[in-house]
PDB file of N, CA and C in Angstrom:
ATOM      1  N   MET A   1       0.712  -1.122   0.137  1.00  0.00           N
ATOM      2  CA  MET A   1       0.043   0.385   0.151  1.00  0.00           C
ATOM      3  C   MET A   1       0.772   1.190  -0.111  1.00  0.00           C
ATOM      4  N   VAL A   2       0.353   2.079  -0.871  1.00  0.00           N
ATOM      5  CA  VAL A   2       1.098   3.192  -1.023  1.00  0.00           C
ATOM      6  C   VAL A   2       0.552   4.475  -0.117  1.00  0.00           C
ATOM      7  N   LEU A   3       1.317   5.411   0.637  1.00  0.00           N
ATOM      8  CA  LEU A   3       0.583   6.537   0.922  1.00  0.00           C
ATOM      9  C   LEU A   3       0.976   7.665   0.949  1.00  0.00           C
ATOM     10  N   HIS A   4      -0.028   8.108   0.264  1.00  0.00           N
ATOM     11  CA  HIS A   4       0.243   9.643  -0.715  1.00  0.00           C
ATOM     12  C   HIS A   4      -0.137  11.092   0.116  1.00  0.00           C
ATOM     13  N   THR A   5       0.716  11.889   1.141  1.00  0.00           N
ATOM     14  CA  THR A   5      -0.137  12.677   1.302  1.00  0.00           C
ATOM     15  C   THR A   5       0.735  14.085   1.586  1.00  0.00           C
ATOM     16  N   VAL A   6      -0.098  14.785   2.271  1.00  0.00           N
ATOM     17  CA  VAL A   6       1.151  16.532   2.682  1.00  0.00           C
ATOM     18  C   VAL A   6       1.166  16.658   3.967  1.00  0.00           C
ATOM     19  N   LEU A   7       0.589  15.913   4.423  1.00  0.00           N
ATOM     20  CA  LEU A   7       0.562  15.639   5.536  1.00  0.00           C
ATOM     21  C   LEU A   7       1.854  15.110   6.729  1.00  0.00           C
ATOM     22  N   PRO A   8       2.648  15.446   7.657  1.00  0.00           N
ATOM     23  CA  PRO A   8       4.015  14.578   8.781  1.00  0.00           C
ATOM     24  C   PRO A   8       3.183  13.562   8.679  1.00  0.00           C
ATOM     25  N   LEU A   9       4.003  12.696   8.548  1.00  0.00           N
ATOM     26  CA  LEU A   9       3.132  10.985   8.964  1.00  0.00           C
ATOM     27  C   LEU A   9       2.926  10.565  10.314  1.00  0.00           C
ATOM     28  N   PRO A  10       3.440  11.166  11.035  1.00  0.00           N
ATOM     29  CA  PRO A  10       2.941  11.078  12.913  1.00  0.00           C
ATOM     30  C   PRO A  10       1.546  11.408  12.656  1.00  0.00           C
ATOM     31  N   LEU A  11       1.432  12.874  12.314  1.00  0.00           N
ATOM     32  CA  LEU A  11       0.078  13.243  12.200  1.00  0.00           C
ATOM     33  C   LEU A  11      -0.763  11.961  11.632  1.00  0.00           C
ATOM     34  N   VAL A  12      -0.514  11.512  10.501  1.00  0.00           N
ATOM     35  CA  VAL A  12      -1.698  10.859   9.500  1.00  0.00           C
ATOM     36  C   VAL A  12      -1.650   9.395  10.781  1.00  0.00           C
ATOM     37  N   LEU A  13      -0.993   8.908  11.460  1.00  0.00           N
ATOM     38  CA  LEU A  13      -0.654   7.278  11.801  1.00  0.00           C
ATOM     39  C   LEU A  13      -1.063   8.144  13.833  1.00  0.00           C
ATOM     40  N   TRP A  14      -1.676   9.423  14.024  1.00  0.00           N
ATOM     41  CA  TRP A  14      -1.605   9.394  15.410  1.00  0.00           C
ATOM     42  C   TRP A  14      -2.867   8.829  15.449  1.00  0.00           C
ATOM     43  N   ARG A  15      -3.167   8.304  17.432  1.00  0.00           N
ATOM     44  CA  ARG A  15      -3.959   7.678  18.129  1.00  0.00           C
ATOM     45  C   ARG A  15      -4.361   8.054  19.100  1.00  0.00           C
ATOM     46  N   PRO A  16      -5.450   8.148  19.576  1.00  0.00           N
ATOM     47  CA  PRO A  16      -5.136   8.848  21.150  1.00  0.00           C
ATOM     48  C   PRO A  16      -4.219   7.144  22.636  1.00  0.00           C
ATOM     49  N   GLU A  17      -4.079   7.761  23.063  1.00  0.00           N
ATOM     50  CA  GLU A  17      -3.225   7.309  24.387  1.00  0.00           C
ATOM     51  C   GLU A  17      -4.391   6.138  25.181  1.00  0.00           C
ATOM     52  N   GLY A  18      -4.230   5.207  24.996  1.00  0.00           N
ATOM     53  CA  GLY A  18      -5.032   3.963  25.237  1.00  0.00           C
ATOM     54  C   GLY A  18      -6.328   3.742  24.800  1.00  0.00           C
ATOM     55  N   GLN A  19      -6.836   4.207  23.462  1.00  0.00           N
ATOM     56  CA  GLN A  19      -7.489   3.666  22.756  1.00  0.00           C
ATOM     57  C   GLN A  19      -6.984   2.949  22.289  1.00  0.00           C
ATOM     58  N   ALA A  20      -7.704   1.555  22.424  1.00  0.00           N
ATOM     59  CA  ALA A  20      -7.310   0.244  21.714  1.00  0.00           C
ATOM     60  C   ALA A  20      -8.500  -0.203  20.479  1.00  0.00           C
ATOM     61  N   TYR A  21      -8.361  -0.176  19.238  1.00  0.00           N
ATOM     62  CA  TYR A  21      -9.517  -0.750  18.115  1.00  0.00           C
ATOM     63  C   TYR A  21      -9.707  -1.516  18.153  1.00  0.00           C
ATOM     64  N   ALA A  22     -10.946  -2.057  17.466  1.00  0.00           N
ATOM     65  CA  ALA A  22     -11.237  -3.379  17.982  1.00  0.00           C
ATOM     66  C   ALA A  22     -11.779  -3.730  16.149  1.00  0.00           C
ATOM     67  N   TYR A  23     -11.734  -5.313  16.043  1.00  0.00           N
ATOM     68  CA  TYR A  23     -11.802  -5.456  14.394  1.00  0.00           C
ATOM     69  C   TYR A  23     -13.243  -6.549  14.477  1.00  0.00           C
ATOM     70  N   ARG A  24     -13.839  -5.709  13.301  1.00  0.00           N
ATOM     71  CA  ARG A  24     -14.871  -7.036  12.915  1.00  0.00           C
ATOM     72  C   ARG A  24     -14.626  -7.596  11.889  1.00  0.00           C
ATOM     73  N   ARG A  25     -14.946  -8.445  11.764  1.00  0.00           N
ATOM     74  CA  ARG A  25     -15.102  -9.644  10.133  1.00  0.00           C
ATOM     75  C   ARG A  25     -16.352  -9.202   9.193  1.00  0.00           C
ATOM     76  N   VAL A  26     -16.602  -8.982   7.877  1.00  0.00           N
ATOM     77  CA  VAL A  26     -17.622  -8.164   7.416  1.00  0.00           C
ATOM     78  C   VAL A  26     -17.804  -9.476   6.171  1.00  0.00           C
ATOM     79  N   HIS A  27     -18.220  -9.646   5.275  1.00  0.00           N
ATOM     80  CA  HIS A  27     -18.439 -10.254   3.694  1.00  0.00           C
ATOM     81  C   HIS A  27     -17.667  -9.314   3.334  1.00  0.00           C
ATOM     82  N   ASN A  28     -16.336 -10.250   2.837  1.00  0.00           N
ATOM     83  CA  ASN A  28     -15.315  -9.200   1.767  1.00  0.00           C
ATOM     84  C   ASN A  28     -14.427  -8.542   2.199  1.00  0.00           C
ATOM     85  N   GLY A  29     -14.375  -8.425   4.185  1.00  0.00           N
ATOM     86  CA  GLY A  29     -13.588  -7.366   4.218  1.00  0.00           C
ATOM     87  C   GLY A  29     -13.532  -6.788   5.861  1.00  0.00           C
ATOM     88  N   TYR A  30     -12.889  -6.280   6.635  1.00  0.00           N
ATOM     89  CA  TYR A  30     -12.906  -6.172   8.266  1.00  0.00           C
ATOM     90  C   TYR A  30     -13.373  -4.762   8.468  1.00  0.00           C
ATOM     91  N   LEU A  31     -13.489  -4.041   9.441  1.00  0.00           N
ATOM     92  CA  LEU A  31     -13.858  -2.847   9.952  1.00  0.00           C
ATOM     93  C   LEU A  31     -13.488  -2.500  11.188  1.00  0.00           C
ATOM     94  N   GLN A  32     -13.001  -1.622  10.763  1.00  0.00           N
ATOM     95  CA  GLN A  32     -11.786  -1.047  12.660  1.00  0.00           C
ATOM     96  C   GLN A  32     -12.674   0.097  13.533  1.00  0.00           C
ATOM     97  N   GLY A  33     -12.382  -0.375  14.529  1.00  0.00           N
ATOM     98  CA  GLY A  33     -13.247   0.713  15.192  1.00  0.00           C
ATOM     99  C   GLY A  33     -13.056   0.544  16.419  1.00  0.00           C
ATOM    100  N   VAL A  34     -14.088   1.401  17.358  1.00  0.00           N
ATOM    101  CA  VAL A  34     -13.965   1.555  18.931  1.00  0.00           C
ATOM    102  C   VAL A  34     -15.492   1.085  19.396  1.00  0.00           C
ATOM    103  N   GLN A  35     -15.328   0.001  20.357  1.00  0.00           N
ATOM    104  CA  GLN A  35     -15.851  -0.812  20.929  1.00  0.00           C
ATOM    105  C   GLN A  35     -16.476   0.246  22.125  1.00  0.00           C
ATOM    106  N   ASN A  36     -17.894   0.498  22.005  1.00  0.00           N
ATOM    107  CA  ASN A  36     -18.610   1.359  22.958  1.00  0.00           C
ATOM    108  C   ASN A  36     -18.895   0.435  24.420  1.00  0.00           C
ATOM    109  N   ARG A  37     -19.008   1.462  25.699  1.00  0.00           N
ATOM    110  CA  ARG A  37     -19.386   0.793  26.440  1.00  0.00           C
ATOM    111  C   ARG A  37     -20.926   0.176  26.482  1.00  0.00           C
ATOM    112  N   ASP A  38     -21.348   0.785  25.507  1.00  0.00           N
ATOM    113  CA  ASP A  38     -22.884  -0.360  25.538  1.00  0.00           C
ATOM    114  C   ASP A  38     -22.779  -1.085  24.642  1.00  0.00           C
ATOM    115  N   GLY A  39     -21.631  -1.959  24.110  1.00  0.00           N
ATOM    116  CA  GLY A  39     -21.847  -2.847  23.178  1.00  0.00           C
ATOM    117  C   GLY A  39     -21.245  -2.942  21.371  1.00  0.00           C
ATOM    118  N   SER A  40     -21.793  -1.590  21.474  1.00  0.00           N
ATOM    119  CA  SER A  40     -22.231  -1.090  20.068  1.00  0.00           C
ATOM    120  C   SER A  40     -21.005  -0.820  19.373  1.00  0.00           C
ATOM    121  N   PHE A  41     -20.531  -0.400  18.305  1.00  0.00           N
ATOM    122  CA  PHE A  41     -18.705  -0.252  17.087  1.00  0.00           C
ATOM    123  C   PHE A  41     -19.492   1.524  16.683  1.00  0.00           C
ATOM    124  N   THR A  42     -18.202   1.956  17.182  1.00  0.00           N
ATOM    125  CA  THR A  42     -18.090   2.845  16.246  1.00  0.00           C
ATOM    126  C   THR A  42     -16.725   2.437  15.329  1.00  0.00           C
ATOM    127  N   LEU A  43     -17.568   2.634  13.692  1.00  0.00           N
ATOM    128  CA  LEU A  43     -16.440   2.485  12.701  1.00  0.00           C
ATOM    129  C   LEU A  43     -15.806   3.460  12.138  1.00  0.00           C
ATOM    130  N   SER A  44     -14.562   3.344  12.295  1.00  0.00           N
ATOM    131  CA  SER A  44     -13.031   4.050  11.881  1.00  0.00           C
ATOM    132  C   SER A  44     -12.730   3.930  10.856  1.00  0.00           C
ATOM    133  N   ARG A  45     -12.756   2.815  10.388  1.00  0.00           N
ATOM    134  CA  ARG A  45     -12.433   2.354   8.658  1.00  0.00           C
ATOM    135  C   ARG A  45     -12.774   0.863   8.340  1.00  0.00           C
ATOM    136  N   LEU A  46     -12.616   1.188   6.608  1.00  0.00           N
ATOM    137  CA  LEU A  46     -12.801  -0.068   6.582  1.00  0.00           C
ATOM    138  C   LEU A  46     -11.782  -0.712   5.547  1.00  0.00           C
ATOM    139  N   VAL A  47     -11.755  -2.015   5.969  1.00  0.00           N
ATOM    140  CA  VAL A  47     -10.439  -2.504   4.944  1.00  0.00           C
ATOM    141  C   VAL A  47     -10.881  -3.814   3.587  1.00  0.00           C
ATOM    142  N   SER A  48     -11.168  -3.157   2.680  1.00  0.00           N
ATOM    143  CA  SER A  48     -11.970  -4.708   1.950  1.00  0.00           C
ATOM    144  C   SER A  48     -11.086  -4.551   0.629  1.00  0.00           C
ATOM    145  N   THR A  49     -11.599  -5.378  -0.208  1.00  0.00           N
ATOM    146  CA  THR A  49     -10.838  -5.578  -1.700  1.00  0.00           C
ATOM    147  C   THR A  49     -11.797  -5.515  -2.632  1.00  0.00           C
ATOM    148  N   ASP A  50     -13.176  -4.935  -1.974  1.00  0.00           N
ATOM    149  CA  ASP A  50     -14.105  -5.121  -2.723  1.00  0.00           C
ATOM    150  C   ASP A  50     -14.826  -3.684  -2.844  1.00  0.00           C
ATOM    151  N   PRO A  51     -14.760  -3.447  -4.015  1.00  0.00           N
ATOM    152  CA  PRO A  51     -15.003  -1.833  -3.856  1.00  0.00           C
ATOM    153  C   PRO A  51     -16.847  -1.314  -3.183  1.00  0.00           C
ATOM    154  N   SER A  52     -17.651  -2.336  -3.574  1.00  0.00           N
ATOM    155  CA  SER A  52     -18.720  -1.697  -3.286  1.00  0.00           C
ATOM    156  C   SER A  52     -19.541  -1.608  -1.895  1.00  0.00           C
ATOM    157  N   LEU A  53     -18.491  -2.266  -0.874  1.00  0.00           N
ATOM    158  CA  LEU A  53     -18.755  -1.816  -0.209  1.00  0.00           C
ATOM    159  C   LEU A  53     -18.479  -0.346   0.595  1.00  0.00           C
ATOM    160  N   TYR A  54     -17.364   0.027   0.055  1.00  0.00           N
ATOM    161  CA  TYR A  54     -17.195   1.638   0.454  1.00  0.00           C
ATOM    162  C   TYR A  54     -18.036   2.505   0.066  1.00  0.00           C
ATOM    163  N   LEU A  55     -19.318   1.901  -0.706  1.00  0.00           N
ATOM    164  CA  LEU A  55     -20.039   3.112  -1.318  1.00  0.00           C
ATOM    165  C   LEU A  55     -21.243   2.301  -0.130  1.00  0.00           C
ATOM    166  N   ASP A  56     -21.494   1.466   0.427  1.00  0.00           N
ATOM    167  CA  ASP A  56     -22.178   1.146   1.764  1.00  0.00           C
ATOM    168  C   ASP A  56     -22.556   1.888   2.561  1.00  0.00           C
ATOM    169  N   PRO A  57     -23.666   2.929   2.543  1.00  0.00           N
ATOM    170  CA  PRO A  57     -23.746   3.876   4.221  1.00  0.00           C
ATOM    171  C   PRO A  57     -23.686   2.771   5.297  1.00  0.00           C
ATOM    172  N   ARG A  58     -24.225   2.061   5.762  1.00  0.00           N
ATOM    173  CA  ARG A  58     -23.188   0.905   6.984  1.00  0.00           C
ATOM    174  C   ARG A  58     -22.357   0.769   7.180  1.00  0.00           C
ATOM    175  N   TYR A  59     -21.329   1.354   6.117  1.00  0.00           N
ATOM    176  CA  TYR A  59     -19.838   1.071   6.407  1.00  0.00           C
ATOM    177  C   TYR A  59     -19.479   2.537   6.936  1.00  0.00           C
ATOM    178  N   PHE A  60     -19.749   3.504   6.288  1.00  0.00           N
ATOM    179  CA  PHE A  60     -18.792   5.331   6.231  1.00  0.00           C
ATOM    180  C   PHE A  60     -18.359   4.925   7.541  1.00  0.00           C
ATOM    181  N   PRO A  61     -17.193   5.975   7.578  1.00  0.00           N
ATOM    182  CA  PRO A  61     -16.364   5.985   9.158  1.00  0.00           C
ATOM    183  C   PRO A  61     -17.510   6.748  10.240  1.00  0.00           C
ATOM    184  N   GLY A  62     -17.667   6.500  11.376  1.00  0.00           N
ATOM    185  CA  GLY A  62     -18.330   7.117  11.985  1.00  0.00           C
ATOM    186  C   GLY A  62     -19.743   7.100  12.499  1.00  0.00           C
ATOM    187  N   ALA A  63     -19.680   5.879  11.555  1.00  0.00           N
ATOM    188  CA  ALA A  63     -21.211   4.538  11.687  1.00  0.00           C
ATOM    189  C   ALA A  63     -21.289   4.150  13.169  1.00  0.00           C
ATOM    190  N   VAL A  64     -21.985   3.946  13.981  1.00  0.00           N
ATOM    191  CA  VAL A  64     -22.295   3.394  15.193  1.00  0.00           C
ATOM    192  C   VAL A  64     -23.190   1.819  14.497  1.00  0.00           C
ATOM    193  N   LEU A  65     -22.346   0.803  14.821  1.00  0.00           N
ATOM    194  CA  LEU A  65     -22.958  -0.927  14.674  1.00  0.00           C
ATOM    195  C   LEU A  65     -23.595  -1.069  15.772  1.00  0.00           C
ATOM    196  N   PRO A  66     -24.648  -1.722  15.443  1.00  0.00           N
ATOM    197  CA  PRO A  66     -25.583  -2.758  16.808  1.00  0.00           C
ATOM    198  C   PRO A  66     -24.128  -3.573  16.993  1.00  0.00           C
ATOM    199  N   PRO A  67     -24.744  -3.913  18.553  1.00  0.00           N
ATOM    200  CA  PRO A  67     -23.646  -4.936  19.006  1.00  0.00           C
ATOM    201  C   PRO A  67     -24.019  -6.361  18.102  1.00  0.00           C
ATOM    202  N   PRO A  68     -22.849  -7.707  18.119  1.00  0.00           N
ATOM    203  CA  PRO A  68     -23.413  -8.594  17.168  1.00  0.00           C
ATOM    204  C   PRO A  68     -24.361  -9.084  18.533  1.00  0.00           C
TER     205      PRO A  68
END
């Protein structure tokens, strides 16, 4: 993967201290996000080779998914 950005690398890869990401598997990809106290999941990133998943409104960054 190649990352093209005008921002400094530490700013791009920064994450808050103590915040651990959780991962969920979806058909043809993975969701990266934060597990909330109520069991829901706030989506941070979608990783998939299927371009149609990036257009699915359920998987937009910031979306809150119900507990499994």
